Amino acid sequence: MKKYYLQSWFKLIYLLAAVLFWLGLGVIFHALAEFPVLYFLTKDFTKFSLGFSYEIWLAIHSVFSIIVLISSLIAGIYFGLQWYDFIYIKYEGKFSQLVKK
């Protein structure tokens, strides 16, 4: 019972850590994609707006933000479960012994 209880906590910690990591990567990716677009749009909106209005650019931004958020959450959950399975299921908690060798 105690081992199962600890494993569920470890699984939760791995999931939370992976989700936070991937959310951070999503924020960085969003910023790297958004800064050049904002730079060119504020430099000369009529030239670089591709014929879209300001409202359409806001809608594009909203959709892109939601896609990045959902993708980051899915990646965090996926990789968190993969690492948990790799460390605690495949090697039954003996990962620290593998690292020391």
PDB file of N, CA and C in Angstrom:
ATOM      1  N   MET A   1       0.826  -1.199   0.000  1.00  0.00           N
ATOM      2  CA  MET A   1       0.000   0.000   0.000  1.00  0.00           C
ATOM      3  C   MET A   1       0.867   1.258   0.000  1.00  0.00           C
ATOM      4  N   LYS A   2       1.924   1.271   0.832  1.00  0.00           N
ATOM      5  CA  LYS A   2       2.781   2.452   0.926  1.00  0.00           C
ATOM      6  C   LYS A   2       3.539   2.690  -0.372  1.00  0.00           C
ATOM      7  N   LYS A   3       4.017   1.604  -1.006  1.00  0.00           N
ATOM      8  CA  LYS A   3       4.743   1.738  -2.267  1.00  0.00           C
ATOM      9  C   LYS A   3       3.841   2.326  -3.355  1.00  0.00           C
ATOM     10  N   TYR A   4       2.603   1.837  -3.428  1.00  0.00           N
ATOM     11  CA  TYR A   4       1.666   2.358  -4.425  1.00  0.00           C
ATOM     12  C   TYR A   4       1.361   3.836  -4.174  1.00  0.00           C
ATOM     13  N   TYR A   5       1.209   4.192  -2.896  1.00  0.00           N
ATOM     14  CA  TYR A   5       0.930   5.579  -2.534  1.00  0.00           C
ATOM     15  C   TYR A   5       2.074   6.493  -2.964  1.00  0.00           C
ATOM     16  N   LEU A   6       3.318   6.066  -2.713  1.00  0.00           N
ATOM     17  CA  LEU A   6       4.472   6.875  -3.116  1.00  0.00           C
ATOM     18  C   LEU A   6       4.585   6.955  -4.632  1.00  0.00           C
ATOM     19  N   GLN A   7       4.297   5.844  -5.318  1.00  0.00           N
ATOM     20  CA  GLN A   7       4.372   5.863  -6.777  1.00  0.00           C
ATOM     21  C   GLN A   7       3.362   6.822  -7.371  1.00  0.00           C
ATOM     22  N   SER A   8       2.169   6.907  -6.795  1.00  0.00           N
ATOM     23  CA  SER A   8       1.178   7.836  -7.327  1.00  0.00           C
ATOM     24  C   SER A   8       1.635   9.280  -7.122  1.00  0.00           C
ATOM     25  N   TRP A   9       2.318   9.558  -6.007  1.00  0.00           N
ATOM     26  CA  TRP A   9       2.858  10.901  -5.794  1.00  0.00           C
ATOM     27  C   TRP A   9       3.994  11.202  -6.759  1.00  0.00           C
ATOM     28  N   PHE A  10       4.855  10.219  -6.989  1.00  0.00           N
ATOM     29  CA  PHE A  10       5.945  10.413  -7.951  1.00  0.00           C
ATOM     30  C   PHE A  10       5.402  10.651  -9.348  1.00  0.00           C
ATOM     31  N   LYS A  11       4.361   9.929  -9.691  1.00  0.00           N
ATOM     32  CA  LYS A  11       3.743  10.093 -11.014  1.00  0.00           C
ATOM     33  C   LYS A  11       3.167  11.506 -11.150  1.00  0.00           C
ATOM     34  N   LEU A  12       2.503  11.977 -10.105  1.00  0.00           N
ATOM     35  CA  LEU A  12       1.942  13.329 -10.118  1.00  0.00           C
ATOM     36  C   LEU A  12       3.043  14.380 -10.223  1.00  0.00           C
ATOM     37  N   ILE A  13       4.135  14.171  -9.508  1.00  0.00           N
ATOM     38  CA  ILE A  13       5.254  15.119  -9.557  1.00  0.00           C
ATOM     39  C   ILE A  13       5.875  15.140 -10.947  1.00  0.00           C
ATOM     40  N   TYR A  14       6.067  13.966 -11.550  1.00  0.00           N
ATOM     41  CA  TYR A  14       6.613  13.917 -12.910  1.00  0.00           C
ATOM     42  C   TYR A  14       5.686  14.601 -13.903  1.00  0.00           C
ATOM     43  N   LEU A  15       4.398  14.366 -13.767  1.00  0.00           N
ATOM     44  CA  LEU A  15       3.447  15.013 -14.675  1.00  0.00           C
ATOM     45  C   LEU A  15       3.475  16.527 -14.524  1.00  0.00           C
ATOM     46  N   LEU A  16       3.432  17.004 -13.294  1.00  0.00           N
ATOM     47  CA  LEU A  16       3.444  18.453 -13.067  1.00  0.00           C
ATOM     48  C   LEU A  16       4.742  19.094 -13.558  1.00  0.00           C
ATOM     49  N   ALA A  17       5.862  18.442 -13.284  1.00  0.00           N
ATOM     50  CA  ALA A  17       7.147  18.993 -13.730  1.00  0.00           C
ATOM     51  C   ALA A  17       7.232  19.029 -15.248  1.00  0.00           C
ATOM     52  N   ALA A  18       6.783  17.970 -15.903  1.00  0.00           N
ATOM     53  CA  ALA A  18       6.833  17.933 -17.362  1.00  0.00           C
ATOM     54  C   ALA A  18       5.873  18.944 -17.983  1.00  0.00           C
ATOM     55  N   VAL A  19       4.685  19.080 -17.408  1.00  0.00           N
ATOM     56  CA  VAL A  19       3.721  20.057 -17.936  1.00  0.00           C
ATOM     57  C   VAL A  19       4.261  21.470 -17.774  1.00  0.00           C
ATOM     58  N   LEU A  20       4.836  21.768 -16.610  1.00  0.00           N
ATOM     59  CA  LEU A  20       5.403  23.108 -16.406  1.00  0.00           C
ATOM     60  C   LEU A  20       6.574  23.363 -17.355  1.00  0.00           C
ATOM     61  N   PHE A  21       7.405  22.363 -17.560  1.00  0.00           N
ATOM     62  CA  PHE A  21       8.525  22.502 -18.488  1.00  0.00           C
ATOM     63  C   PHE A  21       8.033  22.792 -19.904  1.00  0.00           C
ATOM     64  N   TRP A  22       7.060  22.006 -20.363  1.00  0.00           N
ATOM     65  CA  TRP A  22       6.559  22.192 -21.726  1.00  0.00           C
ATOM     66  C   TRP A  22       5.750  23.471 -21.869  1.00  0.00           C
ATOM     67  N   LEU A  23       5.074  23.904 -20.818  1.00  0.00           N
ATOM     68  CA  LEU A  23       4.410  25.209 -20.874  1.00  0.00           C
ATOM     69  C   LEU A  23       5.441  26.323 -21.003  1.00  0.00           C
ATOM     70  N   GLY A  24       6.548  26.194 -20.302  1.00  0.00           N
ATOM     71  CA  GLY A  24       7.627  27.172 -20.441  1.00  0.00           C
ATOM     72  C   GLY A  24       8.189  27.197 -21.851  1.00  0.00           C
ATOM     73  N   LEU A  25       8.393  26.012 -22.429  1.00  0.00           N
ATOM     74  CA  LEU A  25       8.853  25.952 -23.819  1.00  0.00           C
ATOM     75  C   LEU A  25       7.828  26.558 -24.770  1.00  0.00           C
ATOM     76  N   GLY A  26       6.547  26.346 -24.475  1.00  0.00           N
ATOM     77  CA  GLY A  26       5.495  26.935 -25.303  1.00  0.00           C
ATOM     78  C   GLY A  26       5.507  28.453 -25.248  1.00  0.00           C
ATOM     79  N   VAL A  27       5.749  28.994 -24.068  1.00  0.00           N
ATOM     80  CA  VAL A  27       5.829  30.454 -23.923  1.00  0.00           C
ATOM     81  C   VAL A  27       7.024  31.002 -24.705  1.00  0.00           C
ATOM     82  N   ILE A  28       8.154  30.311 -24.611  1.00  0.00           N
ATOM     83  CA  ILE A  28       9.345  30.748 -25.355  1.00  0.00           C
ATOM     84  C   ILE A  28       9.087  30.675 -26.859  1.00  0.00           C
ATOM     85  N   PHE A  29       8.486  29.571 -27.320  1.00  0.00           N
ATOM     86  CA  PHE A  29       8.163  29.433 -28.741  1.00  0.00           C
ATOM     87  C   PHE A  29       7.202  30.529 -29.194  1.00  0.00           C
ATOM     88  N   HIS A  30       6.190  30.802 -28.370  1.00  0.00           N
ATOM     89  CA  HIS A  30       5.223  31.844 -28.693  1.00  0.00           C
ATOM     90  C   HIS A  30       5.921  33.201 -28.818  1.00  0.00           C
ATOM     91  N   ALA A  31       6.807  33.489 -27.888  1.00  0.00           N
ATOM     92  CA  ALA A  31       7.524  34.765 -27.936  1.00  0.00           C
ATOM     93  C   ALA A  31       8.421  34.852 -29.165  1.00  0.00           C
ATOM     94  N   LEU A  32       9.125  33.767 -29.486  1.00  0.00           N
ATOM     95  CA  LEU A  32       9.994  33.779 -30.667  1.00  0.00           C
ATOM     96  C   LEU A  32       9.198  33.940 -31.960  1.00  0.00           C
ATOM     97  N   ALA A  33       7.986  33.448 -31.977  1.00  0.00           N
ATOM     98  CA  ALA A  33       7.151  33.612 -33.167  1.00  0.00           C
ATOM     99  C   ALA A  33       6.477  34.987 -33.194  1.00  0.00           C
ATOM    100  N   GLU A  34       6.170  35.530 -32.027  1.00  0.00           N
ATOM    101  CA  GLU A  34       5.393  36.768 -31.965  1.00  0.00           C
ATOM    102  C   GLU A  34       6.248  38.025 -32.125  1.00  0.00           C
ATOM    103  N   PHE A  35       7.437  38.051 -31.588  1.00  0.00           N
ATOM    104  CA  PHE A  35       8.252  39.264 -31.651  1.00  0.00           C
ATOM    105  C   PHE A  35       8.548  39.732 -33.071  1.00  0.00           C
ATOM    106  N   PRO A  36       8.955  38.855 -33.993  1.00  0.00           N
ATOM    107  CA  PRO A  36       9.179  39.348 -35.359  1.00  0.00           C
ATOM    108  C   PRO A  36       7.898  39.857 -36.028  1.00  0.00           C
ATOM    109  N   VAL A  37       6.795  39.177 -35.773  1.00  0.00           N
ATOM    110  CA  VAL A  37       5.526  39.615 -36.362  1.00  0.00           C
ATOM    111  C   VAL A  37       5.151  40.993 -35.822  1.00  0.00           C
ATOM    112  N   LEU A  38       5.265  41.175 -34.525  1.00  0.00           N
ATOM    113  CA  LEU A  38       4.955  42.485 -33.938  1.00  0.00           C
ATOM    114  C   LEU A  38       5.902  43.568 -34.439  1.00  0.00           C
ATOM    115  N   TYR A  39       7.158  43.208 -34.604  1.00  0.00           N
ATOM    116  CA  TYR A  39       8.126  44.186 -35.096  1.00  0.00           C
ATOM    117  C   TYR A  39       7.730  44.692 -36.480  1.00  0.00           C
ATOM    118  N   PHE A  40       7.440  43.773 -37.386  1.00  0.00           N
ATOM    119  CA  PHE A  40       7.100  44.182 -38.743  1.00  0.00           C
ATOM    120  C   PHE A  40       5.743  44.875 -38.817  1.00  0.00           C
ATOM    121  N   LEU A  41       4.783  44.415 -38.026  1.00  0.00           N
ATOM    122  CA  LEU A  41       3.460  45.057 -38.052  1.00  0.00           C
ATOM    123  C   LEU A  41       3.503  46.467 -37.470  1.00  0.00           C
ATOM    124  N   THR A  42       4.304  46.689 -36.453  1.00  0.00           N
ATOM    125  CA  THR A  42       4.396  48.047 -35.902  1.00  0.00           C
ATOM    126  C   THR A  42       5.286  48.941 -36.753  1.00  0.00           C
ATOM    127  N   LYS A  43       6.176  48.354 -37.535  1.00  0.00           N
ATOM    128  CA  LYS A  43       7.046  49.141 -38.395  1.00  0.00           C
ATOM    129  C   LYS A  43       6.245  49.773 -39.542  1.00  0.00           C
ATOM    130  N   ASP A  44       5.489  48.954 -40.240  1.00  0.00           N
ATOM    131  CA  ASP A  44       4.647  49.454 -41.332  1.00  0.00           C
ATOM    132  C   ASP A  44       3.478  48.492 -41.504  1.00  0.00           C
ATOM    133  N   PHE A  45       2.357  48.823 -40.854  1.00  0.00           N
ATOM    134  CA  PHE A  45       1.221  47.910 -40.832  1.00  0.00           C
ATOM    135  C   PHE A  45       0.647  47.669 -42.219  1.00  0.00           C
ATOM    136  N   THR A  46       0.542  48.695 -43.018  1.00  0.00           N
ATOM    137  CA  THR A  46      -0.071  48.520 -44.344  1.00  0.00           C
ATOM    138  C   THR A  46       0.781  47.643 -45.249  1.00  0.00           C
ATOM    139  N   LYS A  47       2.075  47.702 -45.101  1.00  0.00           N
ATOM    140  CA  LYS A  47       2.961  46.913 -45.946  1.00  0.00           C
ATOM    141  C   LYS A  47       3.027  45.447 -45.515  1.00  0.00           C
ATOM    142  N   PHE A  48       3.081  45.204 -44.199  1.00  0.00           N
ATOM    143  CA  PHE A  48       3.309  43.853 -43.690  1.00  0.00           C
ATOM    144  C   PHE A  48       2.059  43.153 -43.168  1.00  0.00           C
ATOM    145  N   SER A  49       0.897  43.750 -43.274  1.00  0.00           N
ATOM    146  CA  SER A  49      -0.311  43.137 -42.704  1.00  0.00           C
ATOM    147  C   SER A  49      -0.926  42.074 -43.604  1.00  0.00           C
ATOM    148  N   LEU A  50      -0.392  41.900 -44.797  1.00  0.00           N
ATOM    149  CA  LEU A  50      -0.895  40.912 -45.754  1.00  0.00           C
ATOM    150  C   LEU A  50      -2.365  41.130 -46.099  1.00  0.00           C
ATOM    151  N   GLY A  51      -2.803  42.354 -45.955  1.00  0.00           N
ATOM    152  CA  GLY A  51      -4.188  42.692 -46.267  1.00  0.00           C
ATOM    153  C   GLY A  51      -5.173  42.401 -45.150  1.00  0.00           C
ATOM    154  N   PHE A  52      -4.683  41.908 -44.016  1.00  0.00           N
ATOM    155  CA  PHE A  52      -5.554  41.611 -42.883  1.00  0.00           C
ATOM    156  C   PHE A  52      -5.736  42.860 -42.030  1.00  0.00           C
ATOM    157  N   SER A  53      -6.890  42.966 -41.419  1.00  0.00           N
ATOM    158  CA  SER A  53      -7.136  44.078 -40.498  1.00  0.00           C
ATOM    159  C   SER A  53      -6.541  43.742 -39.131  1.00  0.00           C
ATOM    160  N   TYR A  54      -6.559  44.725 -38.253  1.00  0.00           N
ATOM    161  CA  TYR A  54      -6.034  44.533 -36.905  1.00  0.00           C
ATOM    162  C   TYR A  54      -6.842  43.473 -36.154  1.00  0.00           C
ATOM    163  N   GLU A  55      -8.164  43.463 -36.352  1.00  0.00           N
ATOM    164  CA  GLU A  55      -9.021  42.488 -35.679  1.00  0.00           C
ATOM    165  C   GLU A  55      -8.695  41.060 -36.121  1.00  0.00           C
ATOM    166  N   ILE A  56      -8.380  40.888 -37.407  1.00  0.00           N
ATOM    167  CA  ILE A  56      -8.029  39.558 -37.895  1.00  0.00           C
ATOM    168  C   ILE A  56      -6.695  39.114 -37.300  1.00  0.00           C
ATOM    169  N   TRP A  57      -5.742  40.046 -37.181  1.00  0.00           N
ATOM    170  CA  TRP A  57      -4.468  39.697 -36.555  1.00  0.00           C
ATOM    171  C   TRP A  57      -4.660  39.304 -35.090  1.00  0.00           C
ATOM    172  N   LEU A  58      -5.591  39.965 -34.404  1.00  0.00           N
ATOM    173  CA  LEU A  58      -5.896  39.579 -33.020  1.00  0.00           C
ATOM    174  C   LEU A  58      -6.515  38.183 -32.964  1.00  0.00           C
ATOM    175  N   ALA A  59      -7.368  37.865 -33.921  1.00  0.00           N
ATOM    176  CA  ALA A  59      -7.973  36.533 -33.968  1.00  0.00           C
ATOM    177  C   ALA A  59      -6.908  35.476 -34.266  1.00  0.00           C
ATOM    178  N   ILE A  60      -5.993  35.782 -35.191  1.00  0.00           N
ATOM    179  CA  ILE A  60      -4.897  34.858 -35.490  1.00  0.00           C
ATOM    180  C   ILE A  60      -4.058  34.632 -34.246  1.00  0.00           C
ATOM    181  N   HIS A  61      -3.767  35.689 -33.517  1.00  0.00           N
ATOM    182  CA  HIS A  61      -2.991  35.578 -32.287  1.00  0.00           C
ATOM    183  C   HIS A  61      -3.707  34.707 -31.264  1.00  0.00           C
ATOM    184  N   SER A  62      -5.000  34.901 -31.103  1.00  0.00           N
ATOM    185  CA  SER A  62      -5.766  34.112 -30.130  1.00  0.00           C
ATOM    186  C   SER A  62      -5.758  32.626 -30.484  1.00  0.00           C
ATOM    187  N   VAL A  63      -5.983  32.324 -31.757  1.00  0.00           N
ATOM    188  CA  VAL A  63      -5.996  30.932 -32.191  1.00  0.00           C
ATOM    189  C   VAL A  63      -4.606  30.313 -32.018  1.00  0.00           C
ATOM    190  N   PHE A  64      -3.578  31.044 -32.410  1.00  0.00           N
ATOM    191  CA  PHE A  64      -2.203  30.552 -32.265  1.00  0.00           C
ATOM    192  C   PHE A  64      -1.861  30.315 -30.796  1.00  0.00           C
ATOM    193  N   SER A  65      -2.285  31.211 -29.926  1.00  0.00           N
ATOM    194  CA  SER A  65      -2.010  31.062 -28.493  1.00  0.00           C
ATOM    195  C   SER A  65      -2.675  29.810 -27.935  1.00  0.00           C
ATOM    196  N   ILE A  66      -3.902  29.562 -28.330  1.00  0.00           N
ATOM    197  CA  ILE A  66      -4.623  28.379 -27.848  1.00  0.00           C
ATOM    198  C   ILE A  66      -3.971  27.106 -28.378  1.00  0.00           C
ATOM    199  N   ILE A  67      -3.552  27.118 -29.639  1.00  0.00           N
ATOM    200  CA  ILE A  67      -2.883  25.946 -30.214  1.00  0.00           C
ATOM    201  C   ILE A  67      -1.583  25.656 -29.484  1.00  0.00           C
ATOM    202  N   VAL A  68      -0.796  26.688 -29.196  1.00  0.00           N
ATOM    203  CA  VAL A  68       0.464  26.492 -28.471  1.00  0.00           C
ATOM    204  C   VAL A  68       0.192  25.982 -27.056  1.00  0.00           C
ATOM    205  N   LEU A  69      -0.817  26.520 -26.393  1.00  0.00           N
ATOM    206  CA  LEU A  69      -1.153  26.093 -25.032  1.00  0.00           C
ATOM    207  C   LEU A  69      -1.573  24.628 -25.010  1.00  0.00           C
ATOM    208  N   ILE A  70      -2.473  24.240 -25.887  1.00  0.00           N
ATOM    209  CA  ILE A  70      -2.952  22.856 -25.923  1.00  0.00           C
ATOM    210  C   ILE A  70      -1.822  21.904 -26.304  1.00  0.00           C
ATOM    211  N   SER A  71      -1.005  22.296 -27.275  1.00  0.00           N
ATOM    212  CA  SER A  71       0.129  21.453 -27.678  1.00  0.00           C
ATOM    213  C   SER A  71       1.118  21.271 -26.526  1.00  0.00           C
ATOM    214  N   SER A  72       1.376  22.336 -25.792  1.00  0.00           N
ATOM    215  CA  SER A  72       2.293  22.248 -24.651  1.00  0.00           C
ATOM    216  C   SER A  72       1.736  21.333 -23.563  1.00  0.00           C
ATOM    217  N   LEU A  73       0.445  21.436 -23.286  1.00  0.00           N
ATOM    218  CA  LEU A  73      -0.161  20.571 -22.274  1.00  0.00           C
ATOM    219  C   LEU A  73      -0.108  19.107 -22.688  1.00  0.00           C
ATOM    220  N   ILE A  74      -0.435  18.839 -23.948  1.00  0.00           N
ATOM    221  CA  ILE A  74      -0.402  17.457 -24.439  1.00  0.00           C
ATOM    222  C   ILE A  74       1.024  16.910 -24.396  1.00  0.00           C
ATOM    223  N   ALA A  75       1.993  17.704 -24.848  1.00  0.00           N
ATOM    224  CA  ALA A  75       3.390  17.256 -24.820  1.00  0.00           C
ATOM    225  C   ALA A  75       3.858  17.028 -23.391  1.00  0.00           C
ATOM    226  N   GLY A  76       3.485  17.900 -22.469  1.00  0.00           N
ATOM    227  CA  GLY A  76       3.879  17.736 -21.072  1.00  0.00           C
ATOM    228  C   GLY A  76       3.313  16.476 -20.459  1.00  0.00           C
ATOM    229  N   ILE A  77       2.050  16.202 -20.713  1.00  0.00           N
ATOM    230  CA  ILE A  77       1.438  14.987 -20.182  1.00  0.00           C
ATOM    231  C   ILE A  77       2.075  13.753 -20.813  1.00  0.00           C
ATOM    232  N   TYR A  78       2.264  13.779 -22.115  1.00  0.00           N
ATOM    233  CA  TYR A  78       2.839  12.634 -22.813  1.00  0.00           C
ATOM    234  C   TYR A  78       4.253  12.327 -22.306  1.00  0.00           C
ATOM    235  N   PHE A  79       5.121  13.342 -22.295  1.00  0.00           N
ATOM    236  CA  PHE A  79       6.497  13.107 -21.884  1.00  0.00           C
ATOM    237  C   PHE A  79       6.625  12.850 -20.386  1.00  0.00           C
ATOM    238  N   GLY A  80       5.753  13.435 -19.585  1.00  0.00           N
ATOM    239  CA  GLY A  80       5.761  13.131 -18.151  1.00  0.00           C
ATOM    240  C   GLY A  80       5.440  11.672 -17.894  1.00  0.00           C
ATOM    241  N   LEU A  81       4.434  11.145 -18.578  1.00  0.00           N
ATOM    242  CA  LEU A  81       4.096   9.728 -18.425  1.00  0.00           C
ATOM    243  C   LEU A  81       5.185   8.830 -18.988  1.00  0.00           C
ATOM    244  N   GLN A  82       5.797   9.245 -20.104  1.00  0.00           N
ATOM    245  CA  GLN A  82       6.871   8.439 -20.682  1.00  0.00           C
ATOM    246  C   GLN A  82       8.065   8.346 -19.742  1.00  0.00           C
ATOM    247  N   TRP A  83       8.459   9.471 -19.143  1.00  0.00           N
ATOM    248  CA  TRP A  83       9.601   9.440 -18.235  1.00  0.00           C
ATOM    249  C   TRP A  83       9.285   8.680 -16.963  1.00  0.00           C
ATOM    250  N   TYR A  84       8.054   8.814 -16.480  1.00  0.00           N
ATOM    251  CA  TYR A  84       7.676   8.047 -15.290  1.00  0.00           C
ATOM    252  C   TYR A  84       7.755   6.554 -15.588  1.00  0.00           C
ATOM    253  N   ASP A  85       7.202   6.137 -16.717  1.00  0.00           N
ATOM    254  CA  ASP A  85       7.260   4.723 -17.092  1.00  0.00           C
ATOM    255  C   ASP A  85       8.698   4.257 -17.287  1.00  0.00           C
ATOM    256  N   PHE A  86       9.518   5.112 -17.876  1.00  0.00           N
ATOM    257  CA  PHE A  86      10.917   4.745 -18.110  1.00  0.00           C
ATOM    258  C   PHE A  86      11.664   4.541 -16.810  1.00  0.00           C
ATOM    259  N   ILE A  87      11.469   5.437 -15.862  1.00  0.00           N
ATOM    260  CA  ILE A  87      12.254   5.393 -14.627  1.00  0.00           C
ATOM    261  C   ILE A  87      11.677   4.420 -13.607  1.00  0.00           C
ATOM    262  N   TYR A  88      10.355   4.429 -13.412  1.00  0.00           N
ATOM    263  CA  TYR A  88       9.785   3.659 -12.310  1.00  0.00           C
ATOM    264  C   TYR A  88       9.152   2.338 -12.726  1.00  0.00           C
ATOM    265  N   ILE A  89       8.757   2.201 -13.961  1.00  0.00           N
ATOM    266  CA  ILE A  89       8.136   0.952 -14.388  1.00  0.00           C
ATOM    267  C   ILE A  89       9.162   0.053 -15.076  1.00  0.00           C
ATOM    268  N   LYS A  90       9.862   0.587 -16.070  1.00  0.00           N
ATOM    269  CA  LYS A  90      10.811  -0.227 -16.815  1.00  0.00           C
ATOM    270  C   LYS A  90      11.985  -0.666 -15.948  1.00  0.00           C
ATOM    271  N   TYR A  91      12.522   0.239 -15.157  1.00  0.00           N
ATOM    272  CA  TYR A  91      13.672  -0.104 -14.320  1.00  0.00           C
ATOM    273  C   TYR A  91      13.303  -0.283 -12.856  1.00  0.00           C
ATOM    274  N   GLU A  92      12.024  -0.251 -12.538  1.00  0.00           N
ATOM    275  CA  GLU A  92      11.516  -0.505 -11.185  1.00  0.00           C
ATOM    276  C   GLU A  92      12.233   0.321 -10.128  1.00  0.00           C
ATOM    277  N   GLY A  93      12.468   1.590 -10.400  1.00  0.00           N
ATOM    278  CA  GLY A  93      13.102   2.470  -9.436  1.00  0.00           C
ATOM    279  C   GLY A  93      14.596   2.320  -9.334  1.00  0.00           C
ATOM    280  N   LYS A  94      15.213   1.552 -10.211  1.00  0.00           N
ATOM    281  CA  LYS A  94      16.649   1.326 -10.152  1.00  0.00           C
ATOM    282  C   LYS A  94      17.414   2.283 -11.055  1.00  0.00           C
ATOM    283  N   PHE A  95      16.774   3.371 -11.453  1.00  0.00           N
ATOM    284  CA  PHE A  95      17.411   4.325 -12.360  1.00  0.00           C
ATOM    285  C   PHE A  95      18.632   4.972 -11.716  1.00  0.00           C
ATOM    286  N   SER A  96      18.575   5.222 -10.412  1.00  0.00           N
ATOM    287  CA  SER A  96      19.718   5.844  -9.728  1.00  0.00           C
ATOM    288  C   SER A  96      20.935   4.928  -9.760  1.00  0.00           C
ATOM    289  N   GLN A  97      20.711   3.618  -9.712  1.00  0.00           N
ATOM    290  CA  GLN A  97      21.830   2.683  -9.797  1.00  0.00           C
ATOM    291  C   GLN A  97      22.427   2.679 -11.187  1.00  0.00           C
ATOM    292  N   LEU A  98      21.607   2.883 -12.212  1.00  0.00           N
ATOM    293  CA  LEU A  98      22.114   2.946 -13.579  1.00  0.00           C
ATOM    294  C   LEU A  98      22.977   4.188 -13.801  1.00  0.00           C
ATOM    295  N   VAL A  99      22.574   5.280 -13.184  1.00  0.00           N
ATOM    296  CA  VAL A  99      23.307   6.532 -13.340  1.00  0.00           C
ATOM    297  C   VAL A  99      24.664   6.458 -12.658  1.00  0.00           C
ATOM    298  N   LYS A 100      24.740   5.795 -11.513  1.00  0.00           N
ATOM    299  CA  LYS A 100      25.984   5.711 -10.756  1.00  0.00           C
ATOM    300  C   LYS A 100      27.027   4.846 -11.443  1.00  0.00           C
ATOM    301  N   LYS A 101      26.591   3.896 -12.282  1.00  0.00           N
ATOM    302  CA  LYS A 101      27.529   2.984 -12.938  1.00  0.00           C
ATOM    303  C   LYS A 101      28.323   3.665 -14.009  1.00  0.00           C
TER     304      LYS A 101
END
